[in-house]
Amino acid sequence: MKSFFRDHATRAATEALKNIPLSASFHECRQRLIEAYPFGERSRHPYKVWCQVQRELLLIRFSGRRAELPAWLIHPGADGPLFPPGA
């Protein structure tokens, strides 16, 4: 079953990262994704899906440059958020 939120989040995140050079830093990509959040209030299921999509896209984009990624992105805690507050 397709998820409306996953499809919409993937489309928005991909569009946000489309025009950033591949040499851009993690921080630049993350900032662009923060600005592209498509669902209004950052809470509940839509925000959880958004965080998962961001994590997946950033891991793909930086797969050859994993040393640039923060540890919390590569190894999120089992109970912790995909992105820590204020990150």
C-alpha atoms as a PDB file:
ATOM      1  CA  MET A   1       0.000   0.000   0.000  1.00  0.00           C
ATOM      2  CA  LYS A   2       1.333   3.422  -0.941  1.00  0.00           C
ATOM      3  CA  SER A   3       1.646   6.079   1.703  1.00  0.00           C
ATOM      4  CA  PHE A   4       0.472   9.573   0.818  1.00  0.00           C
ATOM      5  CA  PHE A   5       2.885  11.091   3.322  1.00  0.00           C
ATOM      6  CA  ARG A   6       5.889   9.049   2.110  1.00  0.00           C
ATOM      7  CA  ASP A   7       5.204   9.896  -1.534  1.00  0.00           C
ATOM      8  CA  HIS A   8       4.738  13.591  -0.787  1.00  0.00           C
ATOM      9  CA  ALA A   9       7.793  13.726   1.507  1.00  0.00           C
ATOM     10  CA  THR A  10       9.986  11.928  -1.019  1.00  0.00           C
ATOM     11  CA  ARG A  11       8.892  14.258  -3.805  1.00  0.00           C
ATOM     12  CA  ALA A  12       9.498  17.391  -1.693  1.00  0.00           C
ATOM     13  CA  ALA A  13      12.878  16.226  -0.374  1.00  0.00           C
ATOM     14  CA  THR A  14      14.108  15.119  -3.789  1.00  0.00           C
ATOM     15  CA  GLU A  15      13.063  18.446  -5.290  1.00  0.00           C
ATOM     16  CA  ALA A  16      14.850  20.318  -2.477  1.00  0.00           C
ATOM     17  CA  LEU A  17      18.112  18.451  -3.088  1.00  0.00           C
ATOM     18  CA  LYS A  18      17.903  18.447  -6.882  1.00  0.00           C
ATOM     19  CA  ASN A  19      19.737  21.721  -7.522  1.00  0.00           C
ATOM     20  CA  ILE A  20      22.399  21.388  -4.819  1.00  0.00           C
ATOM     21  CA  PRO A  21      25.855  20.447  -6.149  1.00  0.00           C
ATOM     22  CA  LEU A  22      27.079  16.979  -5.203  1.00  0.00           C
ATOM     23  CA  SER A  23      30.014  18.639  -3.447  1.00  0.00           C
ATOM     24  CA  ALA A  24      27.663  20.425  -1.002  1.00  0.00           C
ATOM     25  CA  SER A  25      28.239  19.748   2.677  1.00  0.00           C
ATOM     26  CA  PHE A  26      25.932  17.752   4.913  1.00  0.00           C
ATOM     27  CA  HIS A  27      24.932  20.978   6.668  1.00  0.00           C
ATOM     28  CA  GLU A  28      23.894  22.647   3.392  1.00  0.00           C
ATOM     29  CA  CYS A  29      21.793  19.667   2.364  1.00  0.00           C
ATOM     30  CA  ARG A  30      20.209  19.392   5.806  1.00  0.00           C
ATOM     31  CA  GLN A  31      19.348  23.111   5.796  1.00  0.00           C
ATOM     32  CA  ARG A  32      17.681  22.804   2.407  1.00  0.00           C
ATOM     33  CA  LEU A  33      15.616  19.865   3.693  1.00  0.00           C
ATOM     34  CA  ILE A  34      14.566  21.781   6.814  1.00  0.00           C
ATOM     35  CA  GLU A  35      13.251  24.589   4.611  1.00  0.00           C
ATOM     36  CA  ALA A  36      11.371  22.146   2.354  1.00  0.00           C
ATOM     37  CA  TYR A  37       9.161  20.522   5.029  1.00  0.00           C
ATOM     38  CA  PRO A  38       5.783  20.116   3.271  1.00  0.00           C
ATOM     39  CA  PHE A  39       3.273  19.258   6.018  1.00  0.00           C
ATOM     40  CA  GLY A  40       2.778  22.317   8.256  1.00  0.00           C
ATOM     41  CA  GLU A  41       3.184  21.410  11.927  1.00  0.00           C
ATOM     42  CA  ARG A  42       6.157  19.185  12.687  1.00  0.00           C
ATOM     43  CA  SER A  43       4.458  16.473  14.676  1.00  0.00           C
ATOM     44  CA  ARG A  44       2.993  12.989  14.585  1.00  0.00           C
ATOM     45  CA  HIS A  45       3.032  10.585  11.651  1.00  0.00           C
ATOM     46  CA  PRO A  46       3.782  13.050   8.824  1.00  0.00           C
ATOM     47  CA  TYR A  47       6.861  14.361  10.651  1.00  0.00           C
ATOM     48  CA  LYS A  48       8.074  10.834  11.437  1.00  0.00           C
ATOM     49  CA  VAL A  49       7.791   9.900   7.770  1.00  0.00           C
ATOM     50  CA  TRP A  50       9.594  13.122   6.790  1.00  0.00           C
ATOM     51  CA  CYS A  51      12.492  12.279   9.131  1.00  0.00           C
ATOM     52  CA  GLN A  52      12.753   8.765   7.699  1.00  0.00           C
ATOM     53  CA  VAL A  53      12.779  10.055   4.121  1.00  0.00           C
ATOM     54  CA  GLN A  54      15.452  12.650   4.961  1.00  0.00           C
ATOM     55  CA  ARG A  55      17.636  10.040   6.624  1.00  0.00           C
ATOM     56  CA  GLU A  56      17.338   7.680   3.651  1.00  0.00           C
ATOM     57  CA  LEU A  57      18.127  10.380   1.088  1.00  0.00           C
ATOM     58  CA  LEU A  58      21.065  11.773   3.059  1.00  0.00           C
ATOM     59  CA  LEU A  59      22.569   8.310   3.564  1.00  0.00           C
ATOM     60  CA  ILE A  60      22.277   7.671  -0.173  1.00  0.00           C
ATOM     61  CA  ARG A  61      23.703  11.056  -1.117  1.00  0.00           C
ATOM     62  CA  PHE A  62      26.649  10.772   1.272  1.00  0.00           C
ATOM     63  CA  SER A  63      27.225   7.027   0.859  1.00  0.00           C
ATOM     64  CA  GLY A  64      30.733   7.644  -0.480  1.00  0.00           C
ATOM     65  CA  ARG A  65      31.458  10.337   2.116  1.00  0.00           C
ATOM     66  CA  ARG A  66      30.193   8.699   5.314  1.00  0.00           C
ATOM     67  CA  ALA A  67      32.956  10.356   7.345  1.00  0.00           C
ATOM     68  CA  GLU A  68      31.115  13.678   6.882  1.00  0.00           C
ATOM     69  CA  LEU A  69      27.917  12.353   8.463  1.00  0.00           C
ATOM     70  CA  PRO A  70      27.150  12.804  12.158  1.00  0.00           C
ATOM     71  CA  ALA A  71      27.051   9.588  14.190  1.00  0.00           C
ATOM     72  CA  TRP A  72      23.395  10.092  15.151  1.00  0.00           C
ATOM     73  CA  LEU A  73      22.425   9.845  11.475  1.00  0.00           C
ATOM     74  CA  ILE A  74      24.299   6.624  10.796  1.00  0.00           C
ATOM     75  CA  HIS A  75      23.398   4.890  14.073  1.00  0.00           C
ATOM     76  CA  PRO A  76      20.142   6.324  15.439  1.00  0.00           C
ATOM     77  CA  GLY A  77      19.161   5.007  18.848  1.00  0.00           C
ATOM     78  CA  ALA A  78      16.480   2.338  18.885  1.00  0.00           C
ATOM     79  CA  ASP A  79      14.121   4.616  20.787  1.00  0.00           C
ATOM     80  CA  GLY A  80      15.558   7.995  19.809  1.00  0.00           C
ATOM     81  CA  PRO A  81      14.452  10.263  16.983  1.00  0.00           C
ATOM     82  CA  LEU A  82      15.998  10.045  13.548  1.00  0.00           C
ATOM     83  CA  PHE A  83      17.058  13.653  13.970  1.00  0.00           C
ATOM     84  CA  PRO A  84      17.770  15.063  17.424  1.00  0.00           C
ATOM     85  CA  PRO A  85      15.910  18.227  18.456  1.00  0.00           C
ATOM     86  CA  GLY A  86      17.505  21.352  17.066  1.00  0.00           C
ATOM     87  CA  ALA A  87      19.647  19.459  14.586  1.00  0.00           C
END
